[in-house]
């Protein structure tokens, strides 16, 4: 996929999910998000760059270059999820 988005569930291994995101980045994905509902945080994995951690409701999240007009905050994402 161009952009991989994973939502970590309580029974999932964080390591396995991160390995899946890295695998996708190494094979053509340009961007990855790991959404961590229990911590209300998101780790963003841009291809070829260091991951970035977001935990404030007002944090504007980085998105892939092919969607420059998309503006999402951490609060937007968690507002859509039923937790």
Foldseek 3Di string as FASTA:
>chain_A
DQEEEAEDDPVDDPVVVVVVVVVVLVVHHQKYWYQYVVQLKIWIDGRPDDIDIDRDQAQWDDDDPVCVVDTDGSVNVVVPDDD
